[in-house]
Amino acid sequence: MRVEAKLLLFLGLFFGAMCAVYWTWSLENAGGVMMFSGMLLCFLPGSYYLWWSRRMKMRPEDDPTATTEGGAGVVGSFPGSSIFPFLMGMGAFLVVLALVFGIWFLIPGLALAVWALLGGTAEGRRGGKI
């Protein structure tokens, strides 16, 4: 996780420097606040990854002398294909449409979201098809 931490912390520093330059020269608040938020959104996971990487053993990705064979291992199982992520997305889309066009979109949106949540949970518990 050291590579990810270094990348995110570097991006946070970059956004911080660009935020200072942008805010100073443009005197525009919205863009400066967005860049500041981007800086914080890089520093938050970057510092967490750095903190966590000091407490775990070194991964093959973090070892500069590692070989390809060092990263081999058990792959595990992957979930099967499912319609429920699409249904969840459509439900969320209809909920957002309810905020824009009318409250009547909220009923089918919430119904789709709840159906997708329950169906995806049930499918995950029983294993689904592979």
N, C-alpha and C. Protein backbone atom coordinates (compact mmCIF):
# COMPACT_ATOMS: atom_id res chain seq x y z
N MET A 1 0.82 -1.18 0.00
CA MET A 1 0.00 0.00 0.00
C MET A 1 0.86 1.25 0.00
N ARG A 2 2.16 1.07 0.07
CA ARG A 2 3.02 2.25 0.07
C ARG A 2 2.98 2.99 -1.25
N VAL A 3 2.88 2.25 -2.35
CA VAL A 3 2.83 2.90 -3.66
C VAL A 3 1.57 3.75 -3.78
N GLU A 4 0.45 3.20 -3.36
CA GLU A 4 -0.81 3.94 -3.42
C GLU A 4 -0.77 5.16 -2.51
N ALA A 5 -0.19 4.98 -1.31
CA ALA A 5 -0.09 6.10 -0.37
C ALA A 5 0.77 7.21 -0.94
N LYS A 6 1.91 6.85 -1.52
CA LYS A 6 2.80 7.88 -2.08
C LYS A 6 2.12 8.60 -3.24
N LEU A 7 1.41 7.86 -4.09
CA LEU A 7 0.72 8.47 -5.22
C LEU A 7 -0.35 9.45 -4.74
N LEU A 8 -1.18 9.04 -3.79
CA LEU A 8 -2.24 9.92 -3.32
C LEU A 8 -1.69 11.12 -2.56
N LEU A 9 -0.64 10.94 -1.78
CA LEU A 9 -0.06 12.08 -1.07
C LEU A 9 0.59 13.05 -2.04
N PHE A 10 1.22 12.54 -3.10
CA PHE A 10 1.78 13.42 -4.12
C PHE A 10 0.67 14.20 -4.82
N LEU A 11 -0.43 13.52 -5.16
CA LEU A 11 -1.56 14.22 -5.79
C LEU A 11 -2.15 15.27 -4.84
N GLY A 12 -2.20 14.98 -3.55
CA GLY A 12 -2.68 15.96 -2.58
C GLY A 12 -1.78 17.18 -2.53
N LEU A 13 -0.47 16.96 -2.56
CA LEU A 13 0.46 18.09 -2.59
C LEU A 13 0.31 18.90 -3.87
N PHE A 14 0.14 18.20 -4.98
CA PHE A 14 -0.05 18.89 -6.26
C PHE A 14 -1.31 19.75 -6.24
N PHE A 15 -2.43 19.15 -5.79
CA PHE A 15 -3.67 19.92 -5.72
C PHE A 15 -3.55 21.07 -4.73
N GLY A 16 -2.82 20.87 -3.64
CA GLY A 16 -2.63 21.95 -2.68
C GLY A 16 -1.86 23.12 -3.28
N ALA A 17 -0.79 22.80 -4.02
CA ALA A 17 -0.01 23.86 -4.67
C ALA A 17 -0.83 24.57 -5.74
N MET A 18 -1.56 23.80 -6.54
CA MET A 18 -2.39 24.41 -7.57
C MET A 18 -3.53 25.23 -6.96
N CYS A 19 -4.05 24.78 -5.83
CA CYS A 19 -5.09 25.53 -5.14
C CYS A 19 -4.56 26.88 -4.67
N ALA A 20 -3.35 26.89 -4.10
CA ALA A 20 -2.77 28.15 -3.64
C ALA A 20 -2.54 29.11 -4.81
N VAL A 21 -2.01 28.59 -5.90
CA VAL A 21 -1.76 29.43 -7.07
C VAL A 21 -3.08 29.92 -7.65
N TYR A 22 -4.04 29.05 -7.82
CA TYR A 22 -5.32 29.41 -8.44
C TYR A 22 -6.07 30.42 -7.59
N TRP A 23 -6.12 30.18 -6.29
CA TRP A 23 -6.88 31.05 -5.41
C TRP A 23 -6.23 32.43 -5.32
N THR A 24 -4.89 32.46 -5.36
CA THR A 24 -4.19 33.74 -5.28
C THR A 24 -4.36 34.56 -6.55
N TRP A 25 -4.24 33.93 -7.69
CA TRP A 25 -4.27 34.67 -8.95
C TRP A 25 -5.67 34.94 -9.47
N SER A 26 -6.59 34.02 -9.28
CA SER A 26 -7.90 34.20 -9.90
C SER A 26 -8.87 34.97 -9.01
N LEU A 27 -8.66 34.94 -7.72
CA LEU A 27 -9.56 35.57 -6.74
C LEU A 27 -11.00 35.07 -6.90
N GLU A 28 -11.12 33.80 -7.29
CA GLU A 28 -12.42 33.18 -7.50
C GLU A 28 -12.58 32.07 -6.47
N ASN A 29 -13.68 32.09 -5.75
CA ASN A 29 -13.82 31.20 -4.60
C ASN A 29 -14.21 29.78 -4.96
N ALA A 30 -15.09 29.58 -5.92
CA ALA A 30 -15.62 28.25 -6.18
C ALA A 30 -14.53 27.28 -6.64
N GLY A 31 -13.71 27.69 -7.58
CA GLY A 31 -12.64 26.82 -8.06
C GLY A 31 -11.61 26.53 -6.99
N GLY A 32 -11.30 27.53 -6.18
CA GLY A 32 -10.35 27.32 -5.09
C GLY A 32 -10.86 26.34 -4.06
N VAL A 33 -12.14 26.44 -3.74
CA VAL A 33 -12.73 25.51 -2.78
C VAL A 33 -12.76 24.10 -3.35
N MET A 34 -13.06 23.97 -4.65
CA MET A 34 -13.06 22.64 -5.26
C MET A 34 -11.67 22.03 -5.28
N MET A 35 -10.64 22.84 -5.58
CA MET A 35 -9.28 22.31 -5.55
C MET A 35 -8.86 21.95 -4.13
N PHE A 36 -9.29 22.75 -3.16
CA PHE A 36 -8.99 22.43 -1.77
C PHE A 36 -9.66 21.12 -1.37
N SER A 37 -10.90 20.93 -1.82
CA SER A 37 -11.60 19.66 -1.55
C SER A 37 -10.89 18.49 -2.22
N GLY A 38 -10.41 18.70 -3.45
CA GLY A 38 -9.64 17.65 -4.13
C GLY A 38 -8.37 17.30 -3.37
N MET A 39 -7.73 18.33 -2.82
CA MET A 39 -6.53 18.08 -2.01
C MET A 39 -6.88 17.24 -0.79
N LEU A 40 -7.96 17.60 -0.11
CA LEU A 40 -8.36 16.82 1.06
C LEU A 40 -8.77 15.40 0.70
N LEU A 41 -9.43 15.25 -0.47
CA LEU A 41 -9.84 13.92 -0.89
C LEU A 41 -8.66 13.05 -1.30
N CYS A 42 -7.53 13.63 -1.58
CA CYS A 42 -6.32 12.84 -1.82
C CYS A 42 -5.57 12.57 -0.52
N PHE A 43 -5.53 13.56 0.37
CA PHE A 43 -4.80 13.37 1.62
C PHE A 43 -5.48 12.37 2.55
N LEU A 44 -6.79 12.31 2.55
CA LEU A 44 -7.50 11.43 3.47
C LEU A 44 -7.17 9.95 3.22
N PRO A 45 -7.41 9.40 2.03
CA PRO A 45 -7.03 8.00 1.85
C PRO A 45 -5.52 7.80 1.80
N GLY A 46 -4.78 8.79 1.30
CA GLY A 46 -3.32 8.65 1.24
C GLY A 46 -2.70 8.50 2.61
N SER A 47 -3.14 9.32 3.56
CA SER A 47 -2.59 9.21 4.92
C SER A 47 -3.04 7.92 5.59
N TYR A 48 -4.28 7.49 5.30
CA TYR A 48 -4.75 6.22 5.87
C TYR A 48 -3.94 5.05 5.30
N TYR A 49 -3.71 5.05 4.00
CA TYR A 49 -2.90 3.98 3.40
C TYR A 49 -1.49 3.98 3.94
N LEU A 50 -0.91 5.17 4.14
CA LEU A 50 0.44 5.24 4.70
C LEU A 50 0.45 4.70 6.12
N TRP A 51 -0.54 5.09 6.92
CA TRP A 51 -0.62 4.59 8.29
C TRP A 51 -0.79 3.08 8.30
N TRP A 52 -1.63 2.55 7.41
CA TRP A 52 -1.89 1.12 7.39
C TRP A 52 -0.70 0.35 6.83
N SER A 53 0.03 0.91 5.88
CA SER A 53 1.14 0.19 5.27
C SER A 53 2.29 0.00 6.24
N ARG A 54 2.40 0.83 7.24
CA ARG A 54 3.46 0.67 8.25
C ARG A 54 3.13 -0.45 9.23
N ARG A 55 1.89 -0.88 9.26
CA ARG A 55 1.48 -1.91 10.21
C ARG A 55 1.28 -3.28 9.57
N MET A 56 1.44 -3.41 8.28
CA MET A 56 1.27 -4.70 7.63
C MET A 56 2.58 -5.13 6.99
N LYS A 57 2.70 -6.41 6.72
CA LYS A 57 3.93 -6.88 6.09
C LYS A 57 4.01 -6.39 4.65
N MET A 58 5.20 -6.36 4.13
CA MET A 58 5.42 -5.82 2.80
C MET A 58 4.82 -6.73 1.74
N ARG A 59 4.08 -6.14 0.81
CA ARG A 59 3.50 -6.89 -0.30
C ARG A 59 4.53 -7.01 -1.41
N PRO A 60 4.35 -7.95 -2.33
CA PRO A 60 5.28 -8.03 -3.46
C PRO A 60 5.28 -6.76 -4.30
N GLU A 61 4.15 -6.04 -4.35
CA GLU A 61 4.09 -4.80 -5.11
C GLU A 61 4.95 -3.70 -4.50
N ASP A 62 5.20 -3.80 -3.20
CA ASP A 62 5.98 -2.77 -2.51
C ASP A 62 7.47 -3.09 -2.49
N ASP A 63 7.85 -4.32 -2.80
CA ASP A 63 9.25 -4.73 -2.76
C ASP A 63 9.91 -4.46 -4.11
N PRO A 64 10.95 -3.62 -4.15
CA PRO A 64 11.58 -3.33 -5.45
C PRO A 64 12.31 -4.52 -6.04
N THR A 65 12.67 -5.52 -5.24
CA THR A 65 13.40 -6.69 -5.75
C THR A 65 12.49 -7.89 -5.95
N ALA A 66 11.18 -7.70 -5.91
CA ALA A 66 10.24 -8.82 -6.02
C ALA A 66 10.20 -9.36 -7.45
N THR A 67 9.87 -10.63 -7.54
CA THR A 67 9.70 -11.27 -8.84
C THR A 67 8.21 -11.49 -9.10
N THR A 68 7.91 -11.90 -10.32
CA THR A 68 6.52 -12.17 -10.68
C THR A 68 5.96 -13.32 -9.86
N GLU A 69 6.79 -14.32 -9.59
CA GLU A 69 6.34 -15.48 -8.82
C GLU A 69 5.99 -15.12 -7.39
N GLY A 70 6.56 -14.03 -6.86
CA GLY A 70 6.28 -13.64 -5.49
C GLY A 70 4.85 -13.18 -5.30
N GLY A 71 4.22 -12.70 -6.34
CA GLY A 71 2.85 -12.23 -6.24
C GLY A 71 1.81 -13.29 -6.55
N ALA A 72 2.26 -14.48 -6.96
CA ALA A 72 1.31 -15.54 -7.30
C ALA A 72 0.70 -16.10 -6.02
N GLY A 73 -0.51 -16.55 -6.13
CA GLY A 73 -1.18 -17.13 -4.98
C GLY A 73 -2.59 -17.51 -5.33
N VAL A 74 -3.38 -17.74 -4.33
CA VAL A 74 -4.76 -18.13 -4.53
C VAL A 74 -5.55 -16.93 -5.02
N VAL A 75 -6.27 -17.11 -6.10
CA VAL A 75 -7.06 -16.02 -6.66
C VAL A 75 -8.38 -15.90 -5.94
N GLY A 76 -8.99 -16.99 -5.57
CA GLY A 76 -10.27 -16.95 -4.88
C GLY A 76 -11.42 -17.08 -5.88
N SER A 77 -12.57 -16.67 -5.46
CA SER A 77 -13.73 -16.78 -6.33
C SER A 77 -14.26 -15.39 -6.64
N PHE A 78 -14.87 -15.28 -7.79
CA PHE A 78 -15.45 -14.02 -8.23
C PHE A 78 -16.96 -14.17 -8.29
N PRO A 79 -17.69 -13.10 -8.04
CA PRO A 79 -19.14 -13.21 -8.13
C PRO A 79 -19.59 -13.39 -9.58
N GLY A 80 -20.71 -14.05 -9.74
CA GLY A 80 -21.26 -14.26 -11.07
C GLY A 80 -21.90 -12.98 -11.59
N SER A 81 -22.31 -13.02 -12.83
CA SER A 81 -22.97 -11.85 -13.41
C SER A 81 -24.35 -11.69 -12.78
N SER A 82 -24.80 -10.45 -12.67
CA SER A 82 -26.06 -10.18 -12.01
C SER A 82 -26.69 -8.93 -12.62
N ILE A 83 -27.99 -8.86 -12.55
CA ILE A 83 -28.74 -7.70 -13.04
C ILE A 83 -28.88 -6.65 -11.93
N PHE A 84 -28.63 -7.03 -10.69
CA PHE A 84 -28.94 -6.14 -9.57
C PHE A 84 -28.09 -4.87 -9.52
N PRO A 85 -26.82 -4.85 -9.90
CA PRO A 85 -26.12 -3.55 -9.94
C PRO A 85 -26.74 -2.58 -10.94
N PHE A 86 -27.20 -3.08 -12.08
CA PHE A 86 -27.88 -2.22 -13.05
C PHE A 86 -29.18 -1.68 -12.47
N LEU A 87 -29.94 -2.53 -11.81
CA LEU A 87 -31.19 -2.08 -11.20
C LEU A 87 -30.95 -1.05 -10.11
N MET A 88 -29.89 -1.22 -9.35
CA MET A 88 -29.56 -0.23 -8.32
C MET A 88 -29.21 1.11 -8.96
N GLY A 89 -28.47 1.07 -10.05
CA GLY A 89 -28.14 2.30 -10.75
C GLY A 89 -29.37 2.98 -11.32
N MET A 90 -30.28 2.21 -11.87
CA MET A 90 -31.51 2.79 -12.42
C MET A 90 -32.38 3.35 -11.29
N GLY A 91 -32.42 2.68 -10.16
CA GLY A 91 -33.17 3.21 -9.02
C GLY A 91 -32.58 4.53 -8.53
N ALA A 92 -31.25 4.59 -8.43
CA ALA A 92 -30.61 5.84 -8.02
C ALA A 92 -30.85 6.94 -9.04
N PHE A 93 -30.84 6.58 -10.32
CA PHE A 93 -31.11 7.55 -11.39
C PHE A 93 -32.52 8.12 -11.26
N LEU A 94 -33.49 7.26 -10.99
CA LEU A 94 -34.86 7.73 -10.85
C LEU A 94 -35.04 8.58 -9.59
N VAL A 95 -34.30 8.26 -8.52
CA VAL A 95 -34.37 9.10 -7.32
C VAL A 95 -33.82 10.49 -7.62
N VAL A 96 -32.74 10.58 -8.37
CA VAL A 96 -32.20 11.89 -8.75
C VAL A 96 -33.17 12.62 -9.68
N LEU A 97 -33.80 11.89 -10.59
CA LEU A 97 -34.81 12.52 -11.45
C LEU A 97 -35.97 13.06 -10.63
N ALA A 98 -36.27 12.42 -9.51
CA ALA A 98 -37.34 12.91 -8.64
C ALA A 98 -36.98 14.27 -8.06
N LEU A 99 -35.72 14.49 -7.79
CA LEU A 99 -35.30 15.79 -7.28
C LEU A 99 -35.41 16.88 -8.34
N VAL A 100 -35.27 16.49 -9.61
CA VAL A 100 -35.27 17.48 -10.68
C VAL A 100 -36.65 17.67 -11.28
N PHE A 101 -37.34 16.59 -11.64
CA PHE A 101 -38.56 16.69 -12.44
C PHE A 101 -39.85 16.52 -11.65
N GLY A 102 -39.82 15.81 -10.58
CA GLY A 102 -41.06 15.64 -9.84
C GLY A 102 -40.96 14.49 -8.87
N ILE A 103 -41.71 14.61 -7.80
CA ILE A 103 -41.65 13.65 -6.71
C ILE A 103 -42.19 12.29 -7.11
N TRP A 104 -42.97 12.22 -8.19
CA TRP A 104 -43.55 10.93 -8.58
C TRP A 104 -42.49 9.95 -9.07
N PHE A 105 -41.31 10.43 -9.47
CA PHE A 105 -40.21 9.53 -9.84
C PHE A 105 -39.64 8.80 -8.62
N LEU A 106 -39.90 9.32 -7.44
CA LEU A 106 -39.32 8.75 -6.22
C LEU A 106 -39.85 7.35 -5.93
N ILE A 107 -41.11 7.10 -6.20
CA ILE A 107 -41.71 5.80 -5.87
C ILE A 107 -41.09 4.67 -6.69
N PRO A 108 -41.03 4.75 -8.03
CA PRO A 108 -40.37 3.65 -8.75
C PRO A 108 -38.86 3.60 -8.48
N GLY A 109 -38.25 4.76 -8.22
CA GLY A 109 -36.82 4.77 -7.93
C GLY A 109 -36.49 4.04 -6.64
N LEU A 110 -37.23 4.34 -5.59
CA LEU A 110 -37.01 3.66 -4.32
C LEU A 110 -37.37 2.19 -4.41
N ALA A 111 -38.43 1.87 -5.16
CA ALA A 111 -38.82 0.47 -5.33
C ALA A 111 -37.70 -0.31 -6.03
N LEU A 112 -37.14 0.25 -7.09
CA LEU A 112 -36.04 -0.42 -7.79
C LEU A 112 -34.82 -0.56 -6.89
N ALA A 113 -34.51 0.49 -6.14
CA ALA A 113 -33.32 0.44 -5.27
C ALA A 113 -33.48 -0.60 -4.18
N VAL A 114 -34.65 -0.65 -3.56
CA VAL A 114 -34.88 -1.65 -2.50
C VAL A 114 -34.87 -3.06 -3.09
N TRP A 115 -35.49 -3.24 -4.25
CA TRP A 115 -35.49 -4.55 -4.90
C TRP A 115 -34.06 -4.99 -5.23
N ALA A 116 -33.26 -4.07 -5.76
CA ALA A 116 -31.88 -4.40 -6.10
C ALA A 116 -31.06 -4.70 -4.85
N LEU A 117 -31.29 -3.96 -3.78
CA LEU A 117 -30.57 -4.19 -2.54
C LEU A 117 -30.91 -5.56 -1.96
N LEU A 118 -32.18 -5.87 -1.90
CA LEU A 118 -32.59 -7.18 -1.36
C LEU A 118 -32.18 -8.32 -2.28
N GLY A 119 -32.35 -8.15 -3.58
CA GLY A 119 -31.97 -9.21 -4.52
C GLY A 119 -30.47 -9.44 -4.56
N GLY A 120 -29.71 -8.37 -4.54
CA GLY A 120 -28.24 -8.53 -4.54
C GLY A 120 -27.74 -9.16 -3.26
N THR A 121 -28.35 -8.80 -2.13
CA THR A 121 -27.96 -9.41 -0.86
C THR A 121 -28.30 -10.89 -0.84
N ALA A 122 -29.49 -11.24 -1.30
CA ALA A 122 -29.90 -12.65 -1.32
C ALA A 122 -29.03 -13.45 -2.27
N GLU A 123 -28.73 -12.87 -3.44
CA GLU A 123 -27.90 -13.57 -4.41
C GLU A 123 -26.47 -13.75 -3.87
N GLY A 124 -25.97 -12.76 -3.16
CA GLY A 124 -24.63 -12.86 -2.59
C GLY A 124 -24.54 -13.91 -1.51
N ARG A 125 -25.60 -14.07 -0.75
CA ARG A 125 -25.59 -15.06 0.32
C ARG A 125 -25.70 -16.49 -0.19
N ARG A 126 -26.48 -16.70 -1.24
CA ARG A 126 -26.65 -18.06 -1.73
C ARG A 126 -25.61 -18.43 -2.77
N GLY A 127 -24.85 -17.47 -3.26
CA GLY A 127 -23.76 -17.78 -4.17
C GLY A 127 -24.03 -17.46 -5.61
N GLY A 128 -25.26 -17.46 -6.06
CA GLY A 128 -25.55 -17.15 -7.46
C GLY A 128 -24.98 -18.18 -8.40
N LYS A 129 -25.09 -17.95 -9.70
CA LYS A 129 -24.51 -18.88 -10.67
C LYS A 129 -23.16 -18.34 -11.13
N ILE A 130 -22.33 -19.25 -11.53
CA ILE A 130 -20.98 -18.87 -11.99
C ILE A 130 -20.89 -19.10 -13.48
